[in-house]
Amino acid sequence: MIKKLWLILCTALIIAGCTACGQAANVQTETTEMESVVTGNLVALAGMDDAAVDMQIAQYESGTIDETTAVLIETLKNWKTVHQEAGDYISCGDVKVTRSGNEITGSVRGDFTKRDVDFSMSFTKDLSELKSMTLNPVYSIGELMKRAGLNTLMGMGTVFTVLIIISLIIYAFGFIGRHEKKKDEIPAPVIVPETTDEDLSDDLELVAVIAAAIAASEDVPVDSLVVRSIRRRTSSNRWKNQ
């Protein structure tokens, strides 16, 4: 019985060892394939000028665009911008292969005449489908700080501009309020009652009579008398019989 258990245990260990060897060999194969794929694609991209890139994009867009084709089109468009910053390709370092879940990613830093570029490709675990492809220029710490400072200044400038515009709008509201207040304070027009011309002929006759009487009593000529005003009293003065 003990001998049988020992044989079973030995058999299990041998099978486990063979499986581990097979997995290790498989991992090594995947790593080697990823290194070749990543390096080959970086070199291929670096050798394409803008005309070749545009031609390749047009070729991809003329057919059926699946997930892999969409990734390739986006990478080609990105390369046109990166190429201007990076310059011409010189060489690349070692490919770093990482695995996460059902994806395997290979990344490498390319050496260019103007600026290094980090290049990476992600596939499904069996390398049957391309999931992503990225090209990122490498910036120094000084360049990153400069870009961050410029972004901060632009953000602050935008905020201050908005605040100034808001302040001007609020200031303008004050003028609008004053204008409306002035409109409310305009007095209503005063209605002047219409005046009717009075018949002064009787008054002139009365003046002549009074002037003649005064001239007779004072023994002065009538022409020397001057009537300065005549006021007609409309009050209720009544003659009373004594």
C-alpha atoms as a PDB file:
ATOM      1  CA  MET A   1       0.000   0.000   0.000  1.00  0.00           C
ATOM      2  CA  ILE A   2       2.825   2.365   0.898  1.00  0.00           C
ATOM      3  CA  LYS A   3       4.609   1.429  -2.348  1.00  0.00           C
ATOM      4  CA  LYS A   4       1.482   2.314  -4.356  1.00  0.00           C
ATOM      5  CA  LEU A   5       1.158   5.708  -2.653  1.00  0.00           C
ATOM      6  CA  TRP A   6       4.843   6.408  -3.360  1.00  0.00           C
ATOM      7  CA  LEU A   7       4.390   5.580  -7.036  1.00  0.00           C
ATOM      8  CA  ILE A   8       1.346   7.846  -7.280  1.00  0.00           C
ATOM      9  CA  LEU A   9       3.225  10.713  -5.609  1.00  0.00           C
ATOM     10  CA  CYS A  10       6.243  10.297  -7.913  1.00  0.00           C
ATOM     11  CA  THR A  11       3.988  10.229 -10.953  1.00  0.00           C
ATOM     12  CA  ALA A  12       2.239  13.418  -9.832  1.00  0.00           C
ATOM     13  CA  LEU A  13       5.564  15.173  -9.285  1.00  0.00           C
ATOM     14  CA  ILE A  14       6.808  14.137 -12.738  1.00  0.00           C
ATOM     15  CA  ILE A  15       3.610  15.400 -14.407  1.00  0.00           C
ATOM     16  CA  ALA A  16       3.786  18.690 -12.487  1.00  0.00           C
ATOM     17  CA  GLY A  17       7.408  19.128 -13.493  1.00  0.00           C
ATOM     18  CA  CYS A  18       6.649  18.496 -17.144  1.00  0.00           C
ATOM     19  CA  THR A  19       3.747  20.976 -17.021  1.00  0.00           C
ATOM     20  CA  ALA A  20       5.939  23.619 -15.411  1.00  0.00           C
ATOM     21  CA  CYS A  21       8.622  23.076 -18.024  1.00  0.00           C
ATOM     22  CA  GLY A  22       6.017  23.384 -20.767  1.00  0.00           C
ATOM     23  CA  GLN A  23       4.635  26.614 -19.265  1.00  0.00           C
ATOM     24  CA  ALA A  24       8.116  28.065 -18.841  1.00  0.00           C
ATOM     25  CA  ALA A  25       8.939  27.220 -22.437  1.00  0.00           C
ATOM     26  CA  ASN A  26       5.648  28.756 -23.548  1.00  0.00           C
ATOM     27  CA  VAL A  27       6.337  31.956 -21.568  1.00  0.00           C
ATOM     28  CA  GLN A  28       9.801  32.204 -23.064  1.00  0.00           C
ATOM     29  CA  THR A  29       8.355  31.769 -26.539  1.00  0.00           C
ATOM     30  CA  GLU A  30       5.796  34.508 -25.929  1.00  0.00           C
ATOM     31  CA  THR A  31       8.501  36.822 -24.606  1.00  0.00           C
ATOM     32  CA  THR A  32      10.693  36.226 -27.635  1.00  0.00           C
ATOM     33  CA  GLU A  33       7.769  36.773 -29.991  1.00  0.00           C
ATOM     34  CA  MET A  34       6.787  40.003 -28.212  1.00  0.00           C
ATOM     35  CA  GLU A  35      10.336  41.313 -28.407  1.00  0.00           C
ATOM     36  CA  SER A  36      10.413  40.685 -32.143  1.00  0.00           C
ATOM     37  CA  VAL A  37       6.962  42.163 -32.753  1.00  0.00           C
ATOM     38  CA  VAL A  38       7.571  45.330 -30.699  1.00  0.00           C
ATOM     39  CA  THR A  39      11.017  45.986 -32.146  1.00  0.00           C
ATOM     40  CA  GLY A  40       9.865  45.268 -35.699  1.00  0.00           C
ATOM     41  CA  ASN A  41       6.882  47.611 -35.469  1.00  0.00           C
ATOM     42  CA  LEU A  42       8.947  50.430 -33.985  1.00  0.00           C
ATOM     43  CA  VAL A  43      11.516  50.131 -36.773  1.00  0.00           C
ATOM     44  CA  ALA A  44       8.728  49.963 -39.372  1.00  0.00           C
ATOM     45  CA  LEU A  45       7.071  53.115 -38.027  1.00  0.00           C
ATOM     46  CA  ALA A  46      10.372  54.971 -37.821  1.00  0.00           C
ATOM     47  CA  GLY A  47      11.016  54.247 -41.480  1.00  0.00           C
ATOM     48  CA  MET A  48       7.739  55.805 -42.666  1.00  0.00           C
ATOM     49  CA  ASP A  49       7.569  59.423 -43.783  1.00  0.00           C
ATOM     50  CA  ASP A  50       4.341  61.461 -43.812  1.00  0.00           C
ATOM     51  CA  ALA A  51       3.437  60.424 -47.360  1.00  0.00           C
ATOM     52  CA  ALA A  52       3.809  56.730 -46.542  1.00  0.00           C
ATOM     53  CA  VAL A  53       1.787  57.190 -43.351  1.00  0.00           C
ATOM     54  CA  ASP A  54      -1.049  58.919 -45.221  1.00  0.00           C
ATOM     55  CA  MET A  55      -1.077  56.181 -47.839  1.00  0.00           C
ATOM     56  CA  GLN A  56      -1.243  53.456 -45.190  1.00  0.00           C
ATOM     57  CA  ILE A  57      -4.044  55.236 -43.328  1.00  0.00           C
ATOM     58  CA  ALA A  58      -6.048  55.585 -46.547  1.00  0.00           C
ATOM     59  CA  GLN A  59      -5.567  51.894 -47.246  1.00  0.00           C
ATOM     60  CA  TYR A  60      -6.806  50.904 -43.798  1.00  0.00           C
ATOM     61  CA  GLU A  61      -9.791  53.283 -43.963  1.00  0.00           C
ATOM     62  CA  SER A  62     -10.871  51.948 -47.351  1.00  0.00           C
ATOM     63  CA  GLY A  63     -11.557  48.518 -45.859  1.00  0.00           C
ATOM     64  CA  THR A  64     -13.425  47.181 -42.864  1.00  0.00           C
ATOM     65  CA  ILE A  65     -12.307  48.923 -39.690  1.00  0.00           C
ATOM     66  CA  ASP A  66     -12.248  46.504 -36.763  1.00  0.00           C
ATOM     67  CA  GLU A  67     -10.656  47.061 -33.347  1.00  0.00           C
ATOM     68  CA  THR A  68      -7.152  46.183 -34.534  1.00  0.00           C
ATOM     69  CA  THR A  69      -7.419  48.407 -37.618  1.00  0.00           C
ATOM     70  CA  ALA A  70      -8.685  51.312 -35.494  1.00  0.00           C
ATOM     71  CA  VAL A  71      -5.639  50.961 -33.220  1.00  0.00           C
ATOM     72  CA  LEU A  72      -3.286  50.959 -36.209  1.00  0.00           C
ATOM     73  CA  ILE A  73      -4.914  54.054 -37.757  1.00  0.00           C
ATOM     74  CA  GLU A  74      -4.705  55.975 -34.487  1.00  0.00           C
ATOM     75  CA  THR A  75      -1.047  54.967 -34.040  1.00  0.00           C
ATOM     76  CA  LEU A  76      -0.142  56.115 -37.548  1.00  0.00           C
ATOM     77  CA  LYS A  77      -1.791  59.493 -36.982  1.00  0.00           C
ATOM     78  CA  ASN A  78       0.034  59.832 -33.682  1.00  0.00           C
ATOM     79  CA  TRP A  79       3.357  58.949 -35.312  1.00  0.00           C
ATOM     80  CA  LYS A  80       3.107  61.940 -37.687  1.00  0.00           C
ATOM     81  CA  THR A  81       3.157  64.266 -34.666  1.00  0.00           C
ATOM     82  CA  VAL A  82       5.731  62.316 -32.659  1.00  0.00           C
ATOM     83  CA  HIS A  83       8.069  62.031 -35.648  1.00  0.00           C
ATOM     84  CA  GLN A  84       8.415  65.820 -35.841  1.00  0.00           C
ATOM     85  CA  GLU A  85       9.515  65.958 -32.190  1.00  0.00           C
ATOM     86  CA  ALA A  86      11.675  62.828 -32.134  1.00  0.00           C
ATOM     87  CA  GLY A  87      13.559  63.091 -35.389  1.00  0.00           C
ATOM     88  CA  ASP A  88      15.199  60.112 -37.085  1.00  0.00           C
ATOM     89  CA  TYR A  89      15.470  56.651 -35.539  1.00  0.00           C
ATOM     90  CA  ILE A  90      18.859  55.484 -34.233  1.00  0.00           C
ATOM     91  CA  SER A  91      18.329  52.352 -32.132  1.00  0.00           C
ATOM     92  CA  CYS A  92      16.274  50.895 -29.297  1.00  0.00           C
ATOM     93  CA  GLY A  93      16.909  49.232 -25.958  1.00  0.00           C
ATOM     94  CA  ASP A  94      15.699  45.927 -24.562  1.00  0.00           C
ATOM     95  CA  VAL A  95      12.019  45.075 -24.742  1.00  0.00           C
ATOM     96  CA  LYS A  96      10.247  44.708 -21.395  1.00  0.00           C
ATOM     97  CA  VAL A  97       7.412  42.167 -21.437  1.00  0.00           C
ATOM     98  CA  THR A  98       4.694  42.234 -18.762  1.00  0.00           C
ATOM     99  CA  ARG A  99       1.516  40.214 -18.275  1.00  0.00           C
ATOM    100  CA  SER A 100      -1.692  41.427 -16.685  1.00  0.00           C
ATOM    101  CA  GLY A 101      -4.847  39.335 -16.745  1.00  0.00           C
ATOM    102  CA  ASN A 102      -5.534  38.242 -20.289  1.00  0.00           C
ATOM    103  CA  GLU A 103      -3.162  40.779 -21.844  1.00  0.00           C
ATOM    104  CA  ILE A 104       0.544  40.769 -22.575  1.00  0.00           C
ATOM    105  CA  THR A 105       2.401  44.047 -23.136  1.00  0.00           C
ATOM    106  CA  GLY A 106       5.781  44.773 -24.628  1.00  0.00           C
ATOM    107  CA  SER A 107       7.439  48.169 -24.174  1.00  0.00           C
ATOM    108  CA  VAL A 108      10.740  49.617 -25.352  1.00  0.00           C
ATOM    109  CA  ARG A 109      12.460  53.000 -25.426  1.00  0.00           C
ATOM    110  CA  GLY A 110      13.611  54.109 -28.852  1.00  0.00           C
ATOM    111  CA  ASP A 111      16.613  56.367 -29.329  1.00  0.00           C
ATOM    112  CA  PHE A 112      16.006  59.157 -31.862  1.00  0.00           C
ATOM    113  CA  THR A 113      18.082  62.118 -32.991  1.00  0.00           C
ATOM    114  CA  LYS A 114      15.992  64.764 -31.196  1.00  0.00           C
ATOM    115  CA  ARG A 115      14.126  62.985 -28.421  1.00  0.00           C
ATOM    116  CA  ASP A 116      13.657  59.462 -27.060  1.00  0.00           C
ATOM    117  CA  VAL A 117      10.281  57.798 -27.538  1.00  0.00           C
ATOM    118  CA  ASP A 118       8.584  55.161 -25.381  1.00  0.00           C
ATOM    119  CA  PHE A 119       6.800  52.616 -27.581  1.00  0.00           C
ATOM    120  CA  SER A 120       4.477  49.876 -26.340  1.00  0.00           C
ATOM    121  CA  MET A 121       2.097  47.275 -27.757  1.00  0.00           C
ATOM    122  CA  SER A 122      -0.540  45.220 -25.949  1.00  0.00           C
ATOM    123  CA  PHE A 123      -2.021  41.955 -27.227  1.00  0.00           C
ATOM    124  CA  THR A 124      -4.369  39.330 -25.947  1.00  0.00           C
ATOM    125  CA  LYS A 125      -2.606  36.576 -24.049  1.00  0.00           C
ATOM    126  CA  ASP A 126      -2.359  34.328 -27.116  1.00  0.00           C
ATOM    127  CA  LEU A 127      -1.016  37.220 -29.264  1.00  0.00           C
ATOM    128  CA  SER A 128      -3.989  36.879 -31.590  1.00  0.00           C
ATOM    129  CA  GLU A 129      -5.439  40.396 -31.239  1.00  0.00           C
ATOM    130  CA  LEU A 130      -3.825  43.812 -30.911  1.00  0.00           C
ATOM    131  CA  LYS A 131      -5.404  45.816 -28.078  1.00  0.00           C
ATOM    132  CA  SER A 132      -3.364  49.019 -28.004  1.00  0.00           C
ATOM    133  CA  MET A 133      -0.252  50.727 -29.368  1.00  0.00           C
ATOM    134  CA  THR A 134       1.243  53.902 -27.864  1.00  0.00           C
ATOM    135  CA  LEU A 135       3.992  56.379 -28.745  1.00  0.00           C
ATOM    136  CA  ASN A 136       5.053  58.806 -26.007  1.00  0.00           C
ATOM    137  CA  PRO A 137       7.905  61.309 -26.374  1.00  0.00           C
ATOM    138  CA  VAL A 138      10.221  61.374 -23.347  1.00  0.00           C
ATOM    139  CA  TYR A 139      10.576  64.784 -21.680  1.00  0.00           C
ATOM    140  CA  SER A 140      13.173  65.851 -19.143  1.00  0.00           C
ATOM    141  CA  ILE A 141      12.201  67.011 -15.648  1.00  0.00           C
ATOM    142  CA  GLY A 142      12.941  70.605 -16.626  1.00  0.00           C
ATOM    143  CA  GLU A 143      10.706  70.360 -19.677  1.00  0.00           C
ATOM    144  CA  LEU A 144       7.903  68.805 -17.650  1.00  0.00           C
ATOM    145  CA  MET A 145       8.138  71.561 -15.033  1.00  0.00           C
ATOM    146  CA  LYS A 146       8.136  74.194 -17.761  1.00  0.00           C
ATOM    147  CA  ARG A 147       5.060  72.679 -19.407  1.00  0.00           C
ATOM    148  CA  ALA A 148       3.340  72.433 -16.017  1.00  0.00           C
ATOM    149  CA  GLY A 149       4.174  76.081 -15.311  1.00  0.00           C
ATOM    150  CA  LEU A 150       2.812  77.194 -18.669  1.00  0.00           C
ATOM    151  CA  ASN A 151      -0.369  75.200 -18.126  1.00  0.00           C
ATOM    152  CA  THR A 152      -0.752  76.775 -14.685  1.00  0.00           C
ATOM    153  CA  LEU A 153      -0.250  80.286 -16.063  1.00  0.00           C
ATOM    154  CA  MET A 154      -2.736  79.641 -18.861  1.00  0.00           C
ATOM    155  CA  GLY A 155      -5.264  78.340 -16.363  1.00  0.00           C
ATOM    156  CA  MET A 156      -4.785  81.333 -14.056  1.00  0.00           C
ATOM    157  CA  GLY A 157      -4.980  83.702 -17.012  1.00  0.00           C
ATOM    158  CA  THR A 158      -8.257  82.148 -18.095  1.00  0.00           C
ATOM    159  CA  VAL A 159      -9.679  82.434 -14.576  1.00  0.00           C
ATOM    160  CA  PHE A 160      -8.652  86.095 -14.242  1.00  0.00           C
ATOM    161  CA  THR A 161     -10.085  86.884 -17.667  1.00  0.00           C
ATOM    162  CA  VAL A 162     -13.420  85.359 -16.705  1.00  0.00           C
ATOM    163  CA  LEU A 163     -13.413  87.274 -13.392  1.00  0.00           C
ATOM    164  CA  ILE A 164     -12.698  90.561 -15.197  1.00  0.00           C
ATOM    165  CA  ILE A 165     -15.538  89.934 -17.649  1.00  0.00           C
ATOM    166  CA  ILE A 166     -17.915  89.138 -14.779  1.00  0.00           C
ATOM    167  CA  SER A 167     -16.823  92.317 -12.941  1.00  0.00           C
ATOM    168  CA  LEU A 168     -17.477  94.422 -16.052  1.00  0.00           C
ATOM    169  CA  ILE A 169     -20.917  92.883 -16.446  1.00  0.00           C
ATOM    170  CA  ILE A 170     -21.762  93.612 -12.798  1.00  0.00           C
ATOM    171  CA  TYR A 171     -20.437  97.171 -13.217  1.00  0.00           C
ATOM    172  CA  ALA A 172     -22.635  97.641 -16.289  1.00  0.00           C
ATOM    173  CA  PHE A 173     -25.687  96.550 -14.293  1.00  0.00           C
ATOM    174  CA  GLY A 174     -25.144  99.627 -12.090  1.00  0.00           C
ATOM    175  CA  PHE A 175     -25.491 101.951 -15.083  1.00  0.00           C
ATOM    176  CA  ILE A 176     -28.598 100.116 -16.219  1.00  0.00           C
ATOM    177  CA  GLY A 177     -30.118 100.567 -12.743  1.00  0.00           C
ATOM    178  CA  ARG A 178     -29.332 104.291 -12.714  1.00  0.00           C
ATOM    179  CA  HIS A 179     -30.862 104.755 -16.144  1.00  0.00           C
ATOM    180  CA  GLU A 180     -34.073 103.064 -15.056  1.00  0.00           C
ATOM    181  CA  LYS A 181     -34.144 105.181 -11.877  1.00  0.00           C
ATOM    182  CA  LYS A 182     -33.786 108.381 -13.886  1.00  0.00           C
ATOM    183  CA  LYS A 183     -36.704 107.302 -16.031  1.00  0.00           C
ATOM    184  CA  ASP A 184     -38.833 106.819 -12.911  1.00  0.00           C
ATOM    185  CA  GLU A 185     -37.835 110.257 -11.527  1.00  0.00           C
ATOM    186  CA  ILE A 186     -38.893 112.234 -14.627  1.00  0.00           C
ATOM    187  CA  PRO A 187     -41.834 114.431 -13.390  1.00  0.00           C
ATOM    188  CA  ALA A 188     -45.127 114.204 -15.101  1.00  0.00           C
ATOM    189  CA  PRO A 189     -45.936 117.155 -17.359  1.00  0.00           C
ATOM    190  CA  VAL A 190     -47.922 119.927 -15.661  1.00  0.00           C
ATOM    191  CA  ILE A 191     -51.277 120.464 -17.254  1.00  0.00           C
ATOM    192  CA  VAL A 192     -51.871 124.207 -17.666  1.00  0.00           C
ATOM    193  CA  PRO A 193     -55.507 125.157 -17.853  1.00  0.00           C
ATOM    194  CA  GLU A 194     -56.515 126.984 -20.959  1.00  0.00           C
ATOM    195  CA  THR A 195     -57.086 130.675 -20.449  1.00  0.00           C
ATOM    196  CA  THR A 196     -59.842 132.533 -22.249  1.00  0.00           C
ATOM    197  CA  ASP A 197     -59.420 136.054 -23.473  1.00  0.00           C
ATOM    198  CA  GLU A 198     -61.518 138.411 -21.399  1.00  0.00           C
ATOM    199  CA  ASP A 199     -63.484 141.185 -22.928  1.00  0.00           C
ATOM    200  CA  LEU A 200     -61.791 144.344 -21.598  1.00  0.00           C
ATOM    201  CA  SER A 201     -63.921 146.851 -23.490  1.00  0.00           C
ATOM    202  CA  ASP A 202     -66.111 147.501 -20.439  1.00  0.00           C
ATOM    203  CA  ASP A 203     -63.017 147.929 -18.293  1.00  0.00           C
ATOM    204  CA  LEU A 204     -61.603 150.568 -20.632  1.00  0.00           C
ATOM    205  CA  GLU A 205     -64.835 152.533 -20.497  1.00  0.00           C
ATOM    206  CA  LEU A 206     -64.791 152.297 -16.728  1.00  0.00           C
ATOM    207  CA  VAL A 207     -61.210 153.519 -16.647  1.00  0.00           C
ATOM    208  CA  ALA A 208     -62.101 156.481 -18.836  1.00  0.00           C
ATOM    209  CA  VAL A 209     -64.980 157.455 -16.563  1.00  0.00           C
ATOM    210  CA  ILE A 210     -62.895 157.142 -13.412  1.00  0.00           C
ATOM    211  CA  ALA A 211     -60.024 159.072 -14.950  1.00  0.00           C
ATOM    212  CA  ALA A 212     -62.366 161.896 -15.996  1.00  0.00           C
ATOM    213  CA  ALA A 213     -63.836 162.071 -12.505  1.00  0.00           C
ATOM    214  CA  ILE A 214     -60.421 162.185 -10.852  1.00  0.00           C
ATOM    215  CA  ALA A 215     -59.196 164.817 -13.300  1.00  0.00           C
ATOM    216  CA  ALA A 216     -62.237 166.985 -12.603  1.00  0.00           C
ATOM    217  CA  SER A 217     -61.860 166.715  -8.852  1.00  0.00           C
ATOM    218  CA  GLU A 218     -58.121 167.301  -8.866  1.00  0.00           C
ATOM    219  CA  ASP A 219     -58.240 169.904 -11.613  1.00  0.00           C
ATOM    220  CA  VAL A 220     -55.607 168.110 -13.663  1.00  0.00           C
ATOM    221  CA  PRO A 221     -55.651 167.038 -17.292  1.00  0.00           C
ATOM    222  CA  VAL A 222     -56.802 163.508 -17.991  1.00  0.00           C
ATOM    223  CA  ASP A 223     -53.625 162.718 -19.960  1.00  0.00           C
ATOM    224  CA  SER A 224     -51.521 163.101 -16.832  1.00  0.00           C
ATOM    225  CA  LEU A 225     -53.251 160.191 -15.152  1.00  0.00           C
ATOM    226  CA  VAL A 226     -51.719 156.713 -15.629  1.00  0.00           C
ATOM    227  CA  VAL A 227     -53.608 153.521 -14.876  1.00  0.00           C
ATOM    228  CA  ARG A 228     -51.042 150.865 -13.962  1.00  0.00           C
ATOM    229  CA  SER A 229     -53.318 147.879 -13.516  1.00  0.00           C
ATOM    230  CA  ILE A 230     -56.863 146.795 -13.455  1.00  0.00           C
ATOM    231  CA  ARG A 231     -57.819 143.874 -11.246  1.00  0.00           C
ATOM    232  CA  ARG A 232     -61.251 142.386 -11.444  1.00  0.00           C
ATOM    233  CA  ARG A 233     -62.280 140.819  -8.186  1.00  0.00           C
ATOM    234  CA  THR A 234     -64.369 137.710  -8.599  1.00  0.00           C
ATOM    235  CA  SER A 235     -65.092 137.289  -4.919  1.00  0.00           C
ATOM    236  CA  SER A 236     -68.611 137.359  -3.650  1.00  0.00           C
ATOM    237  CA  ASN A 237     -68.703 141.075  -2.738  1.00  0.00           C
ATOM    238  CA  ARG A 238     -72.259 142.166  -2.641  1.00  0.00           C
ATOM    239  CA  TRP A 239     -73.842 145.564  -2.324  1.00  0.00           C
ATOM    240  CA  LYS A 240     -75.759 145.815   0.854  1.00  0.00           C
ATOM    241  CA  ASN A 241     -78.679 148.160   1.343  1.00  0.00           C
ATOM    242  CA  GLN A 242     -78.218 150.236   4.390  1.00  0.00           C
END
